[in-house]
């Protein structure tokens, strides 16, 4: 059985990046998070599986923090599982 997914895009500033990702992960049903710079180049692609929270997400959030410091604007692409 193939899982159906859909994507959403959020345009954020560098300083909003980490808080928006934390908010999205907290909402649930996230399968993948992709962060792109203002030119559309992918900076990081984070696959998330069920139950990935807290300690397991910490290294990825550290990387996102470093990216946030380098970009002024970016796009978060979120792949969600359809229920």
PDB file of N, CA and C in Angstrom:
ATOM      1  N   UNK A   1       0.833  -1.174   0.000  1.00  0.00           N
ATOM      2  CA  UNK A   1       0.000   0.000   0.000  1.00  0.00           C
ATOM      3  C   UNK A   1       0.884   1.246   0.000  1.00  0.00           C
ATOM      4  N   UNK A   2       0.696   2.116  -0.948  1.00  0.00           N
ATOM      5  CA  UNK A   2       1.502   3.317  -1.088  1.00  0.00           C
ATOM      6  C   UNK A   2       0.882   4.458  -0.296  1.00  0.00           C
ATOM      7  N   UNK A   3       1.717   5.159   0.445  1.00  0.00           N
ATOM      8  CA  UNK A   3       1.260   6.289   1.240  1.00  0.00           C
ATOM      9  C   UNK A   3       1.132   7.506   0.351  1.00  0.00           C
ATOM     10  N   UNK A   4       0.000   8.197   0.454  1.00  0.00           N
ATOM     11  CA  UNK A   4      -0.216   9.411  -0.330  1.00  0.00           C
ATOM     12  C   UNK A   4       0.314  10.603   0.449  1.00  0.00           C
ATOM     13  N   UNK A   5       0.936  11.514  -0.278  1.00  0.00           N
ATOM     14  CA  UNK A   5       1.496  12.707   0.349  1.00  0.00           C
ATOM     15  C   UNK A   5       1.120  13.946  -0.445  1.00  0.00           C
ATOM     16  N   UNK A   6       1.248  15.094   0.184  1.00  0.00           N
ATOM     17  CA  UNK A   6       1.114  16.375  -0.507  1.00  0.00           C
ATOM     18  C   UNK A   6       2.165  17.322   0.061  1.00  0.00           C
ATOM     19  N   UNK A   7       2.467  18.372  -0.680  1.00  0.00           N
ATOM     20  CA  UNK A   7       3.500  19.310  -0.240  1.00  0.00           C
ATOM     21  C   UNK A   7       2.904  20.688   0.001  1.00  0.00           C
ATOM     22  N   UNK A   8       3.552  21.412   0.883  1.00  0.00           N
ATOM     23  CA  UNK A   8       3.200  22.796   1.181  1.00  0.00           C
ATOM     24  C   UNK A   8       4.484  23.608   1.179  1.00  0.00           C
ATOM     25  N   UNK A   9       4.382  24.873   0.811  1.00  0.00           N
ATOM     26  CA  UNK A   9       5.545  25.765   0.819  1.00  0.00           C
ATOM     27  C   UNK A   9       5.288  26.937   1.750  1.00  0.00           C
ATOM     28  N   UNK A  10       6.310  27.311   2.510  1.00  0.00           N
ATOM     29  CA  UNK A  10       6.246  28.457   3.397  1.00  0.00           C
ATOM     30  C   UNK A  10       7.462  29.332   3.120  1.00  0.00           C
ATOM     31  N   UNK A  11       7.233  30.609   2.877  1.00  0.00           N
ATOM     32  CA  UNK A  11       8.328  31.556   2.644  1.00  0.00           C
ATOM     33  C   UNK A  11       8.580  32.281   3.956  1.00  0.00           C
ATOM     34  N   UNK A  12       9.800  32.188   4.453  1.00  0.00           N
ATOM     35  CA  UNK A  12      10.140  32.746   5.756  1.00  0.00           C
ATOM     36  C   UNK A  12      11.463  33.492   5.689  1.00  0.00           C
ATOM     37  N   UNK A  13      11.686  34.326   6.701  1.00  0.00           N
ATOM     38  CA  UNK A  13      12.990  34.967   6.829  1.00  0.00           C
ATOM     39  C   UNK A  13      13.910  34.016   7.579  1.00  0.00           C
ATOM     40  N   UNK A  14      15.182  34.288   7.549  1.00  0.00           N
ATOM     41  CA  UNK A  14      16.150  33.425   8.224  1.00  0.00           C
ATOM     42  C   UNK A  14      15.878  33.298   9.711  1.00  0.00           C
ATOM     43  N   UNK A  15      15.451  34.399  10.350  1.00  0.00           N
ATOM     44  CA  UNK A  15      15.210  34.363  11.787  1.00  0.00           C
ATOM     45  C   UNK A  15      13.938  33.597  12.160  1.00  0.00           C
ATOM     46  N   UNK A  16      13.011  33.415  11.221  1.00  0.00           N
ATOM     47  CA  UNK A  16      11.779  32.668  11.480  1.00  0.00           C
ATOM     48  C   UNK A  16      11.930  31.170  11.193  1.00  0.00           C
ATOM     49  N   UNK A  17      13.022  30.799  10.571  1.00  0.00           N
ATOM     50  CA  UNK A  17      13.194  29.443  10.048  1.00  0.00           C
ATOM     51  C   UNK A  17      13.053  28.351  11.106  1.00  0.00           C
ATOM     52  N   UNK A  18      13.801  28.420  12.172  1.00  0.00           N
ATOM     53  CA  UNK A  18      13.780  27.353  13.182  1.00  0.00           C
ATOM     54  C   UNK A  18      12.416  27.269  13.861  1.00  0.00           C
ATOM     55  N   UNK A  19      11.846  28.420  14.235  1.00  0.00           N
ATOM     56  CA  UNK A  19      10.556  28.373  14.927  1.00  0.00           C
ATOM     57  C   UNK A  19       9.465  27.794  14.027  1.00  0.00           C
ATOM     58  N   UNK A  20       9.498  28.096  12.733  1.00  0.00           N
ATOM     59  CA  UNK A  20       8.495  27.553  11.815  1.00  0.00           C
ATOM     60  C   UNK A  20       8.665  26.043  11.662  1.00  0.00           C
ATOM     61  N   UNK A  21       9.887  25.565  11.577  1.00  0.00           N
ATOM     62  CA  UNK A  21      10.116  24.122  11.452  1.00  0.00           C
ATOM     63  C   UNK A  21       9.657  23.409  12.719  1.00  0.00           C
ATOM     64  N   UNK A  22       9.966  23.953  13.888  1.00  0.00           N
ATOM     65  CA  UNK A  22       9.506  23.340  15.135  1.00  0.00           C
ATOM     66  C   UNK A  22       7.985  23.282  15.180  1.00  0.00           C
ATOM     67  N   UNK A  23       7.341  24.353  14.748  1.00  0.00           N
ATOM     68  CA  UNK A  23       5.883  24.403  14.725  1.00  0.00           C
ATOM     69  C   UNK A  23       5.311  23.325  13.791  1.00  0.00           C
ATOM     70  N   UNK A  24       5.902  23.195  12.608  1.00  0.00           N
ATOM     71  CA  UNK A  24       5.421  22.219  11.634  1.00  0.00           C
ATOM     72  C   UNK A  24       5.598  20.782  12.125  1.00  0.00           C
ATOM     73  N   UNK A  25       6.744  20.494  12.713  1.00  0.00           N
ATOM     74  CA  UNK A  25       7.002  19.150  13.218  1.00  0.00           C
ATOM     75  C   UNK A  25       6.037  18.826  14.352  1.00  0.00           C
ATOM     76  N   UNK A  26       5.736  19.801  15.183  1.00  0.00           N
ATOM     77  CA  UNK A  26       4.810  19.610  16.298  1.00  0.00           C
ATOM     78  C   UNK A  26       3.402  19.282  15.796  1.00  0.00           C
ATOM     79  N   UNK A  27       3.019  19.861  14.644  1.00  0.00           N
ATOM     80  CA  UNK A  27       1.704  19.596  14.068  1.00  0.00           C
ATOM     81  C   UNK A  27       1.545  18.128  13.663  1.00  0.00           C
ATOM     82  N   UNK A  28       2.639  17.496  13.272  1.00  0.00           N
ATOM     83  CA  UNK A  28       2.609  16.078  12.917  1.00  0.00           C
ATOM     84  C   UNK A  28       2.379  15.838  11.428  1.00  0.00           C
ATOM     85  N   UNK A  29       2.391  14.550  11.056  1.00  0.00           N
ATOM     86  CA  UNK A  29       2.192  14.077   9.684  1.00  0.00           C
ATOM     87  C   UNK A  29       3.256  14.556   8.708  1.00  0.00           C
ATOM     88  N   UNK A  30       4.410  14.991   9.200  1.00  0.00           N
ATOM     89  CA  UNK A  30       5.495  15.472   8.337  1.00  0.00           C
ATOM     90  C   UNK A  30       6.360  14.288   7.935  1.00  0.00           C
ATOM     91  N   UNK A  31       6.635  14.152   6.670  1.00  0.00           N
ATOM     92  CA  UNK A  31       7.500  13.088   6.171  1.00  0.00           C
ATOM     93  C   UNK A  31       8.866  13.608   5.748  1.00  0.00           C
ATOM     94  N   UNK A  32       8.910  14.866   5.308  1.00  0.00           N
ATOM     95  CA  UNK A  32      10.166  15.434   4.812  1.00  0.00           C
ATOM     96  C   UNK A  32      10.095  16.957   4.892  1.00  0.00           C
ATOM     97  N   UNK A  33      11.226  17.567   5.223  1.00  0.00           N
ATOM     98  CA  UNK A  33      11.352  19.019   5.237  1.00  0.00           C
ATOM     99  C   UNK A  33      12.532  19.382   4.345  1.00  0.00           C
ATOM    100  N   UNK A  34      12.292  20.273   3.409  1.00  0.00           N
ATOM    101  CA  UNK A  34      13.338  20.744   2.500  1.00  0.00           C
ATOM    102  C   UNK A  34      13.451  22.253   2.677  1.00  0.00           C
ATOM    103  N   UNK A  35      14.675  22.731   2.848  1.00  0.00           N
ATOM    104  CA  UNK A  35      14.908  24.166   2.977  1.00  0.00           C
ATOM    105  C   UNK A  35      15.675  24.635   1.755  1.00  0.00           C
ATOM    106  N   UNK A  36      15.138  25.666   1.114  1.00  0.00           N
ATOM    107  CA  UNK A  36      15.773  26.232  -0.071  1.00  0.00           C
ATOM    108  C   UNK A  36      16.098  27.696   0.174  1.00  0.00           C
ATOM    109  N   UNK A  37      17.158  28.181  -0.487  1.00  0.00           N
ATOM    110  CA  UNK A  37      17.474  29.604  -0.396  1.00  0.00           C
ATOM    111  C   UNK A  37      16.580  30.385  -1.352  1.00  0.00           C
ATOM    112  N   UNK A  38      16.764  31.703  -1.396  1.00  0.00           N
ATOM    113  CA  UNK A  38      15.895  32.537  -2.226  1.00  0.00           C
ATOM    114  C   UNK A  38      16.055  32.271  -3.725  1.00  0.00           C
ATOM    115  N   UNK A  39      17.139  31.635  -4.126  1.00  0.00           N
ATOM    116  CA  UNK A  39      17.347  31.271  -5.538  1.00  0.00           C
ATOM    117  C   UNK A  39      16.735  29.920  -5.896  1.00  0.00           C
ATOM    118  N   UNK A  40      16.204  29.202  -4.898  1.00  0.00           N
ATOM    119  CA  UNK A  40      15.588  27.902  -5.156  1.00  0.00           C
ATOM    120  C   UNK A  40      16.539  26.728  -5.021  1.00  0.00           C
ATOM    121  N   UNK A  41      17.766  26.982  -4.580  1.00  0.00           N
ATOM    122  CA  UNK A  41      18.727  25.898  -4.368  1.00  0.00           C
ATOM    123  C   UNK A  41      18.432  25.201  -3.045  1.00  0.00           C
ATOM    124  N   UNK A  42      18.414  23.875  -3.055  1.00  0.00           N
ATOM    125  CA  UNK A  42      18.162  23.117  -1.838  1.00  0.00           C
ATOM    126  C   UNK A  42      19.390  23.169  -0.939  1.00  0.00           C
ATOM    127  N   UNK A  43      19.181  23.609   0.310  1.00  0.00           N
ATOM    128  CA  UNK A  43      20.263  23.702   1.277  1.00  0.00           C
ATOM    129  C   UNK A  43      20.305  22.477   2.178  1.00  0.00           C
ATOM    130  N   UNK A  44      19.138  21.956   2.555  1.00  0.00           N
ATOM    131  CA  UNK A  44      19.068  20.762   3.389  1.00  0.00           C
ATOM    132  C   UNK A  44      17.752  20.050   3.118  1.00  0.00           C
ATOM    133  N   UNK A  45      17.812  18.734   3.138  1.00  0.00           N
ATOM    134  CA  UNK A  45      16.649  17.871   2.940  1.00  0.00           C
ATOM    135  C   UNK A  45      16.616  16.912   4.120  1.00  0.00           C
ATOM    136  N   UNK A  46      15.614  17.061   4.979  1.00  0.00           N
ATOM    137  CA  UNK A  46      15.535  16.262   6.202  1.00  0.00           C
ATOM    138  C   UNK A  46      14.366  15.293   6.102  1.00  0.00           C
ATOM    139  N   UNK A  47      14.638  14.012   5.916  1.00  0.00           N
ATOM    140  CA  UNK A  47      13.542  13.035   5.950  1.00  0.00           C
ATOM    141  C   UNK A  47      13.167  12.748   7.407  1.00  0.00           C
ATOM    142  N   UNK A  48      11.886  12.762   7.697  1.00  0.00           N
ATOM    143  CA  UNK A  48      11.406  12.489   9.048  1.00  0.00           C
ATOM    144  C   UNK A  48      10.517  11.250   9.008  1.00  0.00           C
ATOM    145  N   UNK A  49      10.703  10.391   9.973  1.00  0.00           N
ATOM    146  CA  UNK A  49       9.841   9.214  10.055  1.00  0.00           C
ATOM    147  C   UNK A  49       8.935   9.370  11.263  1.00  0.00           C
ATOM    148  N   UNK A  50       7.978   8.491  11.393  1.00  0.00           N
ATOM    149  CA  UNK A  50       7.065   8.532  12.525  1.00  0.00           C
ATOM    150  C   UNK A  50       7.839   8.493  13.829  1.00  0.00           C
ATOM    151  N   UNK A  51       7.475   9.335  14.744  1.00  0.00           N
ATOM    152  CA  UNK A  51       8.081   9.305  16.066  1.00  0.00           C
ATOM    153  C   UNK A  51       9.418  10.000  16.188  1.00  0.00           C
ATOM    154  N   UNK A  52       9.883  10.685  15.157  1.00  0.00           N
ATOM    155  CA  UNK A  52      11.156  11.395  15.250  1.00  0.00           C
ATOM    156  C   UNK A  52      10.901  12.740  15.924  1.00  0.00           C
ATOM    157  N   UNK A  53      11.287  12.827  17.180  1.00  0.00           N
ATOM    158  CA  UNK A  53      11.123  14.063  17.940  1.00  0.00           C
ATOM    159  C   UNK A  53      12.281  14.207  18.913  1.00  0.00           C
ATOM    160  N   UNK A  54      12.351  15.353  19.552  1.00  0.00           N
ATOM    161  CA  UNK A  54      13.299  15.564  20.637  1.00  0.00           C
ATOM    162  C   UNK A  54      14.741  15.351  20.272  1.00  0.00           C
ATOM    163  N   UNK A  55      15.387  14.400  20.945  1.00  0.00           N
ATOM    164  CA  UNK A  55      16.816  14.155  20.810  1.00  0.00           C
ATOM    165  C   UNK A  55      17.192  13.786  19.384  1.00  0.00           C
ATOM    166  N   UNK A  56      16.341  13.038  18.697  1.00  0.00           N
ATOM    167  CA  UNK A  56      16.667  12.607  17.337  1.00  0.00           C
ATOM    168  C   UNK A  56      16.615  13.767  16.343  1.00  0.00           C
ATOM    169  N   UNK A  57      15.845  14.782  16.646  1.00  0.00           N
ATOM    170  CA  UNK A  57      15.726  15.925  15.752  1.00  0.00           C
ATOM    171  C   UNK A  57      16.757  17.013  16.049  1.00  0.00           C
ATOM    172  N   UNK A  58      17.381  16.960  17.209  1.00  0.00           N
ATOM    173  CA  UNK A  58      18.319  17.996  17.642  1.00  0.00           C
ATOM    174  C   UNK A  58      19.465  18.264  16.654  1.00  0.00           C
ATOM    175  N   UNK A  59      20.145  17.226  16.113  1.00  0.00           N
ATOM    176  CA  UNK A  59      21.235  17.524  15.161  1.00  0.00           C
ATOM    177  C   UNK A  59      20.742  18.237  13.903  1.00  0.00           C
ATOM    178  N   UNK A  60      19.562  17.869  13.425  1.00  0.00           N
ATOM    179  CA  UNK A  60      19.011  18.530  12.242  1.00  0.00           C
ATOM    180  C   UNK A  60      18.667  19.985  12.544  1.00  0.00           C
ATOM    181  N   UNK A  61      18.130  20.248  13.744  1.00  0.00           N
ATOM    182  CA  UNK A  61      17.805  21.622  14.107  1.00  0.00           C
ATOM    183  C   UNK A  61      19.069  22.476  14.257  1.00  0.00           C
ATOM    184  N   UNK A  62      20.153  21.887  14.698  1.00  0.00           N
ATOM    185  CA  UNK A  62      21.421  22.611  14.772  1.00  0.00           C
ATOM    186  C   UNK A  62      21.876  23.013  13.372  1.00  0.00           C
ATOM    187  N   UNK A  63      21.721  22.111  12.413  1.00  0.00           N
ATOM    188  CA  UNK A  63      22.074  22.423  11.020  1.00  0.00           C
ATOM    189  C   UNK A  63      21.161  23.511  10.467  1.00  0.00           C
ATOM    190  N   UNK A  64      19.881  23.445  10.797  1.00  0.00           N
ATOM    191  CA  UNK A  64      18.929  24.458  10.341  1.00  0.00           C
ATOM    192  C   UNK A  64      19.303  25.814  10.940  1.00  0.00           C
ATOM    193  N   UNK A  65      19.738  25.831  12.198  1.00  0.00           N
ATOM    194  CA  UNK A  65      20.170  27.074  12.830  1.00  0.00           C
ATOM    195  C   UNK A  65      21.341  27.698  12.110  1.00  0.00           C
ATOM    196  N   UNK A  66      22.281  26.888  11.683  1.00  0.00           N
ATOM    197  CA  UNK A  66      23.433  27.391  10.932  1.00  0.00           C
ATOM    198  C   UNK A  66      22.996  27.955   9.586  1.00  0.00           C
ATOM    199  N   UNK A  67      22.057  27.277   8.941  1.00  0.00           N
ATOM    200  CA  UNK A  67      21.535  27.755   7.650  1.00  0.00           C
ATOM    201  C   UNK A  67      20.792  29.074   7.845  1.00  0.00           C
ATOM    202  N   UNK A  68      19.984  29.149   8.910  1.00  0.00           N
ATOM    203  CA  UNK A  68      19.207  30.363   9.186  1.00  0.00           C
ATOM    204  C   UNK A  68      20.114  31.574   9.340  1.00  0.00           C
ATOM    205  N   UNK A  69      21.296  31.378   9.911  1.00  0.00           N
ATOM    206  CA  UNK A  69      22.242  32.474  10.098  1.00  0.00           C
ATOM    207  C   UNK A  69      22.818  32.950   8.764  1.00  0.00           C
ATOM    208  N   UNK A  70      22.785  32.105   7.753  1.00  0.00           N
ATOM    209  CA  UNK A  70      23.393  32.440   6.467  1.00  0.00           C
ATOM    210  C   UNK A  70      22.424  33.010   5.438  1.00  0.00           C
ATOM    211  N   UNK A  71      21.125  32.791   5.614  1.00  0.00           N
ATOM    212  CA  UNK A  71      20.171  33.252   4.606  1.00  0.00           C
ATOM    213  C   UNK A  71      19.296  34.360   5.170  1.00  0.00           C
ATOM    214  N   UNK A  72      18.848  35.248   4.283  1.00  0.00           N
ATOM    215  CA  UNK A  72      17.929  36.296   4.724  1.00  0.00           C
ATOM    216  C   UNK A  72      16.487  35.874   4.481  1.00  0.00           C
ATOM    217  N   UNK A  73      16.255  35.153   3.395  1.00  0.00           N
ATOM    218  CA  UNK A  73      14.928  34.635   3.074  1.00  0.00           C
ATOM    219  C   UNK A  73      15.075  33.225   2.549  1.00  0.00           C
ATOM    220  N   UNK A  74      14.090  32.409   2.816  1.00  0.00           N
ATOM    221  CA  UNK A  74      14.142  31.039   2.324  1.00  0.00           C
ATOM    222  C   UNK A  74      12.752  30.454   2.190  1.00  0.00           C
ATOM    223  N   UNK A  75      12.713  29.253   1.664  1.00  0.00           N
ATOM    224  CA  UNK A  75      11.462  28.536   1.484  1.00  0.00           C
ATOM    225  C   UNK A  75      11.570  27.209   2.203  1.00  0.00           C
ATOM    226  N   UNK A  76      10.528  26.889   2.966  1.00  0.00           N
ATOM    227  CA  UNK A  76      10.422  25.580   3.600  1.00  0.00           C
ATOM    228  C   UNK A  76       9.394  24.799   2.808  1.00  0.00           C
ATOM    229  N   UNK A  77       9.799  23.653   2.296  1.00  0.00           N
ATOM    230  CA  UNK A  77       8.874  22.771   1.592  1.00  0.00           C
ATOM    231  C   UNK A  77       8.633  21.578   2.510  1.00  0.00           C
ATOM    232  N   UNK A  78       7.377  21.339   2.815  1.00  0.00           N
ATOM    233  CA  UNK A  78       6.991  20.289   3.743  1.00  0.00           C
ATOM    234  C   UNK A  78       6.205  19.230   2.991  1.00  0.00           C
ATOM    235  N   UNK A  79       6.624  17.981   3.135  1.00  0.00           N
ATOM    236  CA  UNK A  79       5.881  16.858   2.561  1.00  0.00           C
ATOM    237  C   UNK A  79       5.107  16.210   3.701  1.00  0.00           C
ATOM    238  N   UNK A  80       3.784  16.188   3.567  1.00  0.00           N
ATOM    239  CA  UNK A  80       2.912  15.634   4.601  1.00  0.00           C
ATOM    240  C   UNK A  80       2.247  14.358   4.101  1.00  0.00           C
ATOM    241  N   UNK A  81       1.966  13.475   5.040  1.00  0.00           N
ATOM    242  CA  UNK A  81       1.219  12.258   4.732  1.00  0.00           C
ATOM    243  C   UNK A  81      -0.262  12.596   4.767  1.00  0.00           C
ATOM    244  N   UNK A  82      -0.986  12.164   3.759  1.00  0.00           N
ATOM    245  CA  UNK A  82      -2.426  12.317   3.761  1.00  0.00           C
ATOM    246  C   UNK A  82      -3.043  11.255   4.658  1.00  0.00           C
ATOM    247  N   UNK A  83      -4.073  11.655   5.356  1.00  0.00           N
ATOM    248  CA  UNK A  83      -4.723  10.690   6.251  1.00  0.00           C
ATOM    249  C   UNK A  83      -5.938  10.111   5.602  1.00  0.00           C
TER     250      UNK A  83
END
